[in-house]
Amino acid sequence: MTFPPGILERVEKIYVKMILALSRGETVNILVDDARTQRRVSSLLEGASNVCFYPIKTADVWIRDYGPIFVKDAKMGLVATKWRFNAWGNKYDDLKADDRSGLQVAMATDLQIVEQDFVLEGGSIDTNGRGTCITTAQCLLNRNRNPSFDRKEI
């Protein structure tokens, strides 16, 4: 579980405030484990518009690390790239299932999916939207991510 016991209710209240504010002008996409969870979340968001639910079970809320990265390709247009997620270098066995969750998110978009046989957490990179991507050696060169690649290949 992402949050330790005792703080989940406070975190949920903050999420509800964020979703209500964002949904005034943007579509907010929410992953829910099941129909029961969707009903519960819907009741917390009473009156919200522009909210879409996706029944995709996840272990952790940090979708930026295991979810697809959307890029514009000159030939294919907007595509969902899906990288392998190994729970931050195999540190958390109970979170490895989110690799599959990320693929399910990509599949829910109806975009072409470009899968990569390369471990990458989305939070380990930053881009400027114009072709520049930066990262740190600590993330991508760590042997617990992509041991068969050398620095140049990465």
N, C-alpha and C. Protein backbone atom coordinates (compact mmCIF):
# COMPACT_ATOMS: atom_id res chain seq x y z
N MET A 1 0.85 -1.18 0.00
CA MET A 1 0.00 0.00 0.00
C MET A 1 0.89 1.24 0.00
N THR A 2 0.50 2.22 -0.74
CA THR A 2 1.29 3.44 -0.90
C THR A 2 1.39 4.24 0.40
N PHE A 3 0.29 4.33 1.13
CA PHE A 3 0.26 5.18 2.32
C PHE A 3 0.17 4.34 3.58
N PRO A 4 0.94 4.69 4.60
CA PRO A 4 0.88 3.93 5.85
C PRO A 4 -0.46 4.14 6.56
N PRO A 5 -0.82 3.21 7.42
CA PRO A 5 -2.08 3.34 8.15
C PRO A 5 -2.15 4.68 8.89
N GLY A 6 -3.36 5.22 8.93
CA GLY A 6 -3.56 6.45 9.69
C GLY A 6 -3.58 7.72 8.86
N ILE A 7 -3.08 7.68 7.64
CA ILE A 7 -3.09 8.92 6.84
C ILE A 7 -3.92 8.81 5.57
N LEU A 8 -4.41 7.62 5.25
CA LEU A 8 -5.14 7.44 4.00
C LEU A 8 -6.33 8.38 3.89
N GLU A 9 -7.09 8.55 4.94
CA GLU A 9 -8.27 9.43 4.89
C GLU A 9 -7.86 10.87 4.56
N ARG A 10 -6.77 11.35 5.14
CA ARG A 10 -6.31 12.72 4.84
C ARG A 10 -5.85 12.84 3.39
N VAL A 11 -5.16 11.81 2.91
CA VAL A 11 -4.68 11.82 1.52
C VAL A 11 -5.88 11.82 0.56
N GLU A 12 -6.89 11.01 0.85
CA GLU A 12 -8.08 10.97 0.00
C GLU A 12 -8.75 12.33 -0.08
N LYS A 13 -8.83 13.04 1.03
CA LYS A 13 -9.44 14.38 1.03
C LYS A 13 -8.67 15.34 0.13
N ILE A 14 -7.36 15.23 0.16
CA ILE A 14 -6.53 16.09 -0.71
C ILE A 14 -6.74 15.71 -2.17
N TYR A 15 -6.78 14.41 -2.47
CA TYR A 15 -7.03 13.96 -3.84
C TYR A 15 -8.38 14.46 -4.34
N VAL A 16 -9.40 14.39 -3.50
CA VAL A 16 -10.74 14.86 -3.89
C VAL A 16 -10.68 16.35 -4.23
N LYS A 17 -10.02 17.15 -3.42
CA LYS A 17 -9.89 18.58 -3.71
C LYS A 17 -9.18 18.81 -5.05
N MET A 18 -8.11 18.06 -5.30
CA MET A 18 -7.38 18.21 -6.56
C MET A 18 -8.27 17.83 -7.74
N ILE A 19 -8.96 16.71 -7.64
CA ILE A 19 -9.80 16.24 -8.75
C ILE A 19 -10.92 17.23 -9.02
N LEU A 20 -11.56 17.73 -7.97
CA LEU A 20 -12.64 18.70 -8.15
C LEU A 20 -12.13 19.98 -8.83
N ALA A 21 -10.97 20.44 -8.44
CA ALA A 21 -10.40 21.64 -9.06
C ALA A 21 -10.01 21.39 -10.52
N LEU A 22 -9.33 20.28 -10.77
CA LEU A 22 -8.89 19.98 -12.13
C LEU A 22 -10.05 19.71 -13.07
N SER A 23 -11.08 19.03 -12.57
CA SER A 23 -12.18 18.62 -13.44
C SER A 23 -13.03 19.79 -13.93
N ARG A 24 -12.82 20.95 -13.38
CA ARG A 24 -13.55 22.13 -13.87
C ARG A 24 -13.14 22.49 -15.30
N GLY A 25 -11.91 22.14 -15.67
CA GLY A 25 -11.45 22.50 -17.00
C GLY A 25 -10.72 21.40 -17.75
N GLU A 26 -10.51 20.27 -17.10
CA GLU A 26 -9.78 19.15 -17.71
C GLU A 26 -10.50 17.85 -17.41
N THR A 27 -10.30 16.87 -18.29
CA THR A 27 -10.78 15.54 -18.00
C THR A 27 -9.81 14.88 -17.03
N VAL A 28 -10.33 14.32 -15.97
CA VAL A 28 -9.52 13.62 -14.98
C VAL A 28 -9.78 12.13 -15.13
N ASN A 29 -8.74 11.37 -15.39
CA ASN A 29 -8.85 9.92 -15.54
C ASN A 29 -8.40 9.26 -14.25
N ILE A 30 -9.25 8.38 -13.74
CA ILE A 30 -8.98 7.75 -12.46
C ILE A 30 -9.00 6.23 -12.62
N LEU A 31 -7.96 5.58 -12.13
CA LEU A 31 -7.90 4.13 -12.11
C LEU A 31 -8.53 3.64 -10.81
N VAL A 32 -9.41 2.66 -10.92
CA VAL A 32 -10.03 2.06 -9.75
C VAL A 32 -9.86 0.55 -9.82
N ASP A 33 -9.72 -0.08 -8.68
CA ASP A 33 -9.51 -1.52 -8.64
C ASP A 33 -10.73 -2.32 -9.09
N ASP A 34 -11.92 -1.81 -8.75
CA ASP A 34 -13.13 -2.58 -9.03
C ASP A 34 -14.34 -1.66 -8.96
N ALA A 35 -15.54 -2.24 -9.22
CA ALA A 35 -16.78 -1.46 -9.24
C ALA A 35 -17.11 -0.86 -7.87
N ARG A 36 -16.83 -1.61 -6.82
CA ARG A 36 -17.10 -1.11 -5.46
C ARG A 36 -16.27 0.14 -5.19
N THR A 37 -15.00 0.10 -5.58
CA THR A 37 -14.13 1.26 -5.38
C THR A 37 -14.62 2.44 -6.22
N GLN A 38 -15.05 2.17 -7.43
CA GLN A 38 -15.55 3.25 -8.28
C GLN A 38 -16.77 3.93 -7.65
N ARG A 39 -17.69 3.13 -7.10
CA ARG A 39 -18.86 3.71 -6.43
C ARG A 39 -18.44 4.58 -5.25
N ARG A 40 -17.48 4.10 -4.49
CA ARG A 40 -17.02 4.85 -3.32
C ARG A 40 -16.39 6.17 -3.75
N VAL A 41 -15.51 6.12 -4.75
CA VAL A 41 -14.84 7.33 -5.22
C VAL A 41 -15.86 8.29 -5.84
N SER A 42 -16.80 7.77 -6.60
CA SER A 42 -17.85 8.62 -7.18
C SER A 42 -18.62 9.36 -6.10
N SER A 43 -18.89 8.68 -4.99
CA SER A 43 -19.63 9.34 -3.91
C SER A 43 -18.80 10.46 -3.28
N LEU A 44 -17.49 10.30 -3.25
CA LEU A 44 -16.62 11.36 -2.72
C LEU A 44 -16.54 12.55 -3.67
N LEU A 45 -16.77 12.30 -4.96
CA LEU A 45 -16.65 13.34 -5.99
C LEU A 45 -18.02 13.86 -6.43
N GLU A 46 -18.98 13.80 -5.55
CA GLU A 46 -20.34 14.21 -5.89
C GLU A 46 -20.34 15.59 -6.54
N GLY A 47 -20.95 15.66 -7.72
CA GLY A 47 -21.04 16.93 -8.44
C GLY A 47 -19.90 17.19 -9.41
N ALA A 48 -18.91 16.34 -9.43
CA ALA A 48 -17.78 16.54 -10.34
C ALA A 48 -18.17 16.14 -11.76
N SER A 49 -17.67 16.89 -12.71
CA SER A 49 -17.86 16.53 -14.12
C SER A 49 -16.48 16.27 -14.71
N ASN A 50 -16.46 15.78 -15.92
CA ASN A 50 -15.18 15.51 -16.61
C ASN A 50 -14.31 14.49 -15.89
N VAL A 51 -14.93 13.49 -15.27
CA VAL A 51 -14.19 12.43 -14.59
C VAL A 51 -14.50 11.10 -15.28
N CYS A 52 -13.45 10.40 -15.69
CA CYS A 52 -13.59 9.08 -16.32
C CYS A 52 -12.90 8.04 -15.44
N PHE A 53 -13.56 6.92 -15.25
CA PHE A 53 -13.01 5.83 -14.45
C PHE A 53 -12.56 4.70 -15.35
N TYR A 54 -11.47 4.06 -14.97
CA TYR A 54 -10.94 2.90 -15.67
C TYR A 54 -10.71 1.79 -14.66
N PRO A 55 -11.37 0.66 -14.85
CA PRO A 55 -11.19 -0.46 -13.91
C PRO A 55 -9.86 -1.19 -14.17
N ILE A 56 -8.80 -0.61 -13.66
CA ILE A 56 -7.46 -1.18 -13.81
C ILE A 56 -6.85 -1.27 -12.42
N LYS A 57 -6.64 -2.49 -11.97
CA LYS A 57 -6.10 -2.71 -10.62
C LYS A 57 -4.63 -2.30 -10.57
N THR A 58 -4.29 -1.54 -9.55
CA THR A 58 -2.91 -1.11 -9.35
C THR A 58 -2.48 -1.39 -7.92
N ALA A 59 -1.18 -1.44 -7.72
CA ALA A 59 -0.64 -1.64 -6.38
C ALA A 59 -0.17 -0.32 -5.78
N ASP A 60 0.18 0.64 -6.63
CA ASP A 60 0.77 1.89 -6.16
C ASP A 60 0.22 3.06 -6.95
N VAL A 61 0.18 4.23 -6.35
CA VAL A 61 -0.38 5.41 -7.03
C VAL A 61 0.61 6.10 -7.96
N TRP A 62 1.88 5.75 -7.92
CA TRP A 62 2.89 6.46 -8.72
C TRP A 62 2.89 6.03 -10.18
N ILE A 63 1.77 6.28 -10.88
CA ILE A 63 1.63 5.88 -12.27
C ILE A 63 2.66 6.56 -13.17
N ARG A 64 3.19 7.68 -12.77
CA ARG A 64 4.21 8.32 -13.61
C ARG A 64 5.40 7.39 -13.82
N ASP A 65 5.63 6.46 -12.90
CA ASP A 65 6.76 5.55 -13.02
C ASP A 65 6.45 4.30 -13.82
N TYR A 66 5.22 3.79 -13.76
CA TYR A 66 4.91 2.53 -14.45
C TYR A 66 3.95 2.69 -15.62
N GLY A 67 3.35 3.85 -15.76
CA GLY A 67 2.40 4.07 -16.84
C GLY A 67 3.08 4.37 -18.16
N PRO A 68 2.29 4.43 -19.23
CA PRO A 68 2.87 4.73 -20.54
C PRO A 68 3.37 6.18 -20.60
N ILE A 69 4.32 6.40 -21.48
CA ILE A 69 4.78 7.75 -21.78
C ILE A 69 4.29 8.06 -23.19
N PHE A 70 3.57 9.15 -23.34
CA PHE A 70 2.98 9.50 -24.62
C PHE A 70 3.93 10.41 -25.39
N VAL A 71 4.17 10.04 -26.63
CA VAL A 71 5.07 10.82 -27.48
C VAL A 71 4.45 11.01 -28.86
N LYS A 72 4.86 12.08 -29.53
CA LYS A 72 4.42 12.30 -30.90
C LYS A 72 5.52 11.79 -31.82
N ASP A 73 5.13 10.90 -32.70
CA ASP A 73 6.05 10.33 -33.68
C ASP A 73 5.69 10.94 -35.03
N ALA A 74 6.71 11.33 -35.81
CA ALA A 74 6.48 11.98 -37.10
C ALA A 74 5.64 11.12 -38.04
N LYS A 75 5.80 9.81 -37.98
CA LYS A 75 5.06 8.92 -38.88
C LYS A 75 3.76 8.41 -38.27
N MET A 76 3.78 8.08 -36.99
CA MET A 76 2.63 7.43 -36.36
C MET A 76 1.72 8.38 -35.61
N GLY A 77 2.12 9.62 -35.41
CA GLY A 77 1.32 10.55 -34.61
C GLY A 77 1.52 10.27 -33.13
N LEU A 78 0.49 10.48 -32.35
CA LEU A 78 0.59 10.25 -30.91
C LEU A 78 0.58 8.75 -30.63
N VAL A 79 1.57 8.29 -29.88
CA VAL A 79 1.67 6.88 -29.51
C VAL A 79 1.91 6.77 -28.01
N ALA A 80 1.58 5.61 -27.48
CA ALA A 80 1.85 5.30 -26.07
C ALA A 80 3.07 4.39 -26.03
N THR A 81 4.15 4.86 -25.44
CA THR A 81 5.32 4.00 -25.28
C THR A 81 5.19 3.31 -23.93
N LYS A 82 5.51 2.03 -23.91
CA LYS A 82 5.42 1.26 -22.66
C LYS A 82 6.77 0.62 -22.40
N TRP A 83 7.36 1.01 -21.33
CA TRP A 83 8.65 0.51 -20.88
C TRP A 83 8.42 -0.53 -19.81
N ARG A 84 9.42 -1.33 -19.54
CA ARG A 84 9.30 -2.32 -18.45
C ARG A 84 9.44 -1.60 -17.11
N PHE A 85 8.69 -2.03 -16.15
CA PHE A 85 8.77 -1.50 -14.78
C PHE A 85 9.09 -2.65 -13.85
N ASN A 86 10.21 -2.54 -13.13
CA ASN A 86 10.58 -3.64 -12.21
C ASN A 86 10.60 -3.18 -10.75
N ALA A 87 9.69 -2.26 -10.43
CA ALA A 87 9.50 -1.79 -9.05
C ALA A 87 10.80 -1.24 -8.46
N TRP A 88 11.34 -0.27 -9.17
CA TRP A 88 12.53 0.47 -8.72
C TRP A 88 13.71 -0.47 -8.43
N GLY A 89 14.05 -1.23 -9.45
CA GLY A 89 15.22 -2.10 -9.33
C GLY A 89 14.96 -3.34 -8.50
N ASN A 90 13.75 -3.89 -8.60
CA ASN A 90 13.36 -5.10 -7.86
C ASN A 90 13.35 -4.90 -6.34
N LYS A 91 13.10 -3.66 -5.91
CA LYS A 91 13.08 -3.38 -4.47
C LYS A 91 11.77 -3.80 -3.80
N TYR A 92 10.67 -3.84 -4.56
CA TYR A 92 9.36 -4.09 -3.96
C TYR A 92 8.61 -5.14 -4.77
N ASP A 93 8.69 -6.38 -4.34
CA ASP A 93 8.02 -7.47 -5.06
C ASP A 93 6.52 -7.23 -5.21
N ASP A 94 5.88 -6.66 -4.19
CA ASP A 94 4.43 -6.48 -4.23
C ASP A 94 3.99 -5.40 -5.21
N LEU A 95 4.92 -4.61 -5.75
CA LEU A 95 4.58 -3.56 -6.70
C LEU A 95 4.91 -3.92 -8.14
N LYS A 96 5.54 -5.06 -8.36
CA LYS A 96 5.92 -5.45 -9.72
C LYS A 96 4.73 -5.63 -10.64
N ALA A 97 3.56 -5.95 -10.09
CA ALA A 97 2.37 -6.15 -10.91
C ALA A 97 1.96 -4.87 -11.65
N ASP A 98 2.44 -3.73 -11.18
CA ASP A 98 2.09 -2.48 -11.85
C ASP A 98 2.69 -2.37 -13.25
N ASP A 99 3.64 -3.22 -13.58
CA ASP A 99 4.13 -3.26 -14.96
C ASP A 99 2.96 -3.59 -15.89
N ARG A 100 2.17 -4.57 -15.50
CA ARG A 100 0.98 -4.96 -16.28
C ARG A 100 -0.07 -3.85 -16.24
N SER A 101 -0.24 -3.20 -15.11
CA SER A 101 -1.21 -2.11 -15.00
C SER A 101 -0.88 -1.00 -15.99
N GLY A 102 0.39 -0.69 -16.12
CA GLY A 102 0.81 0.34 -17.07
C GLY A 102 0.46 -0.03 -18.50
N LEU A 103 0.61 -1.30 -18.84
CA LEU A 103 0.24 -1.76 -20.19
C LEU A 103 -1.27 -1.65 -20.38
N GLN A 104 -2.04 -1.98 -19.35
CA GLN A 104 -3.49 -1.87 -19.44
C GLN A 104 -3.92 -0.42 -19.66
N VAL A 105 -3.24 0.52 -19.03
CA VAL A 105 -3.53 1.94 -19.24
C VAL A 105 -3.28 2.30 -20.70
N ALA A 106 -2.15 1.86 -21.23
CA ALA A 106 -1.84 2.14 -22.64
C ALA A 106 -2.91 1.55 -23.55
N MET A 107 -3.35 0.34 -23.25
CA MET A 107 -4.36 -0.33 -24.07
C MET A 107 -5.70 0.41 -24.01
N ALA A 108 -6.00 1.05 -22.91
CA ALA A 108 -7.26 1.77 -22.74
C ALA A 108 -7.32 3.04 -23.59
N THR A 109 -6.19 3.48 -24.11
CA THR A 109 -6.16 4.73 -24.88
C THR A 109 -6.56 4.55 -26.33
N ASP A 110 -6.52 3.34 -26.85
CA ASP A 110 -6.76 3.05 -28.27
C ASP A 110 -5.68 3.64 -29.17
N LEU A 111 -4.56 4.08 -28.60
CA LEU A 111 -3.42 4.53 -29.39
C LEU A 111 -2.54 3.35 -29.74
N GLN A 112 -1.69 3.54 -30.74
CA GLN A 112 -0.70 2.51 -31.01
C GLN A 112 0.26 2.45 -29.83
N ILE A 113 0.62 1.23 -29.44
CA ILE A 113 1.52 1.03 -28.31
C ILE A 113 2.88 0.58 -28.84
N VAL A 114 3.90 1.28 -28.40
CA VAL A 114 5.28 0.92 -28.75
C VAL A 114 5.93 0.41 -27.47
N GLU A 115 6.12 -0.92 -27.40
CA GLU A 115 6.70 -1.51 -26.20
C GLU A 115 8.22 -1.55 -26.32
N GLN A 116 8.87 -1.30 -25.20
CA GLN A 116 10.33 -1.29 -25.13
C GLN A 116 10.79 -2.38 -24.16
N ASP A 117 11.80 -3.13 -24.54
CA ASP A 117 12.37 -4.14 -23.65
C ASP A 117 13.51 -3.47 -22.87
N PHE A 118 13.11 -2.51 -22.05
CA PHE A 118 14.06 -1.67 -21.33
C PHE A 118 13.36 -1.19 -20.07
N VAL A 119 14.03 -1.30 -18.93
CA VAL A 119 13.44 -0.85 -17.66
C VAL A 119 13.62 0.66 -17.56
N LEU A 120 12.51 1.33 -17.31
CA LEU A 120 12.53 2.79 -17.17
C LEU A 120 11.37 3.21 -16.29
N GLU A 121 11.65 3.99 -15.27
CA GLU A 121 10.59 4.64 -14.51
C GLU A 121 10.38 6.01 -15.13
N GLY A 122 9.12 6.34 -15.40
CA GLY A 122 8.83 7.63 -16.01
C GLY A 122 9.36 8.81 -15.22
N GLY A 123 9.42 8.66 -13.91
CA GLY A 123 9.94 9.73 -13.07
C GLY A 123 11.46 9.87 -13.11
N SER A 124 12.12 8.95 -13.81
CA SER A 124 13.59 9.03 -13.88
C SER A 124 14.07 9.86 -15.06
N ILE A 125 13.13 10.36 -15.86
CA ILE A 125 13.51 11.19 -16.99
C ILE A 125 12.74 12.50 -16.95
N ASP A 126 13.26 13.49 -17.66
CA ASP A 126 12.57 14.75 -17.84
C ASP A 126 12.80 15.18 -19.27
N THR A 127 11.77 15.71 -19.90
CA THR A 127 11.90 16.14 -21.29
C THR A 127 11.42 17.58 -21.42
N ASN A 128 11.86 18.21 -22.51
CA ASN A 128 11.40 19.57 -22.77
C ASN A 128 10.34 19.63 -23.87
N GLY A 129 9.92 18.47 -24.38
CA GLY A 129 8.92 18.45 -25.43
C GLY A 129 9.46 18.77 -26.81
N ARG A 130 10.76 18.97 -26.90
CA ARG A 130 11.37 19.33 -28.19
C ARG A 130 12.52 18.40 -28.56
N GLY A 131 12.52 17.22 -27.96
CA GLY A 131 13.52 16.22 -28.32
C GLY A 131 14.64 16.02 -27.32
N THR A 132 14.69 16.83 -26.28
CA THR A 132 15.73 16.66 -25.27
C THR A 132 15.17 15.87 -24.09
N CYS A 133 15.91 14.86 -23.68
CA CYS A 133 15.53 14.03 -22.55
C CYS A 133 16.73 13.92 -21.63
N ILE A 134 16.53 14.19 -20.36
CA ILE A 134 17.64 14.08 -19.40
C ILE A 134 17.28 13.04 -18.34
N THR A 135 18.33 12.46 -17.77
CA THR A 135 18.16 11.48 -16.70
C THR A 135 19.40 11.53 -15.82
N THR A 136 19.48 10.62 -14.89
CA THR A 136 20.67 10.51 -14.05
C THR A 136 21.27 9.12 -14.22
N ALA A 137 22.57 9.04 -14.09
CA ALA A 137 23.25 7.75 -14.18
C ALA A 137 22.77 6.84 -13.05
N GLN A 138 22.45 7.40 -11.91
CA GLN A 138 22.00 6.60 -10.76
C GLN A 138 20.79 5.73 -11.11
N CYS A 139 19.89 6.26 -11.91
CA CYS A 139 18.69 5.48 -12.27
C CYS A 139 18.96 4.49 -13.40
N LEU A 140 19.33 4.98 -14.53
CA LEU A 140 19.38 4.12 -15.71
C LEU A 140 20.64 3.27 -15.82
N LEU A 141 21.72 3.67 -15.19
CA LEU A 141 22.94 2.88 -15.26
C LEU A 141 23.08 1.91 -14.09
N ASN A 142 22.16 1.96 -13.17
CA ASN A 142 22.20 1.05 -12.04
C ASN A 142 22.01 -0.37 -12.55
N ARG A 143 22.79 -1.31 -12.07
CA ARG A 143 22.75 -2.70 -12.54
C ARG A 143 21.43 -3.38 -12.23
N ASN A 144 20.61 -2.81 -11.36
CA ASN A 144 19.33 -3.43 -11.05
C ASN A 144 18.22 -2.99 -12.02
N ARG A 145 18.59 -2.25 -13.06
CA ARG A 145 17.61 -1.83 -14.06
C ARG A 145 17.87 -2.56 -15.40
N ASN A 146 18.98 -2.26 -16.02
CA ASN A 146 19.27 -2.78 -17.37
C ASN A 146 20.71 -3.28 -17.43
N PRO A 147 21.00 -4.39 -16.77
CA PRO A 147 22.38 -4.86 -16.66
C PRO A 147 23.02 -5.27 -17.99
N SER A 148 22.22 -5.55 -19.00
CA SER A 148 22.82 -5.98 -20.27
C SER A 148 23.15 -4.81 -21.20
N PHE A 149 22.84 -3.58 -20.77
CA PHE A 149 23.15 -2.40 -21.57
C PHE A 149 24.32 -1.64 -20.96
N ASP A 150 25.19 -1.12 -21.81
CA ASP A 150 26.26 -0.26 -21.29
C ASP A 150 25.83 1.21 -21.43
N ARG A 151 26.66 2.10 -20.93
CA ARG A 151 26.33 3.53 -20.90
C ARG A 151 25.97 4.06 -22.29
N LYS A 152 26.74 3.68 -23.29
CA LYS A 152 26.48 4.17 -24.64
C LYS A 152 25.14 3.68 -25.17
N GLU A 153 24.83 2.42 -24.92
CA GLU A 153 23.54 1.87 -25.39
C GLU A 153 22.36 2.53 -24.69
N ILE A 154 22.53 2.79 -23.42
CA ILE A 154 21.45 3.45 -22.67
C ILE A 154 21.27 4.86 -23.18
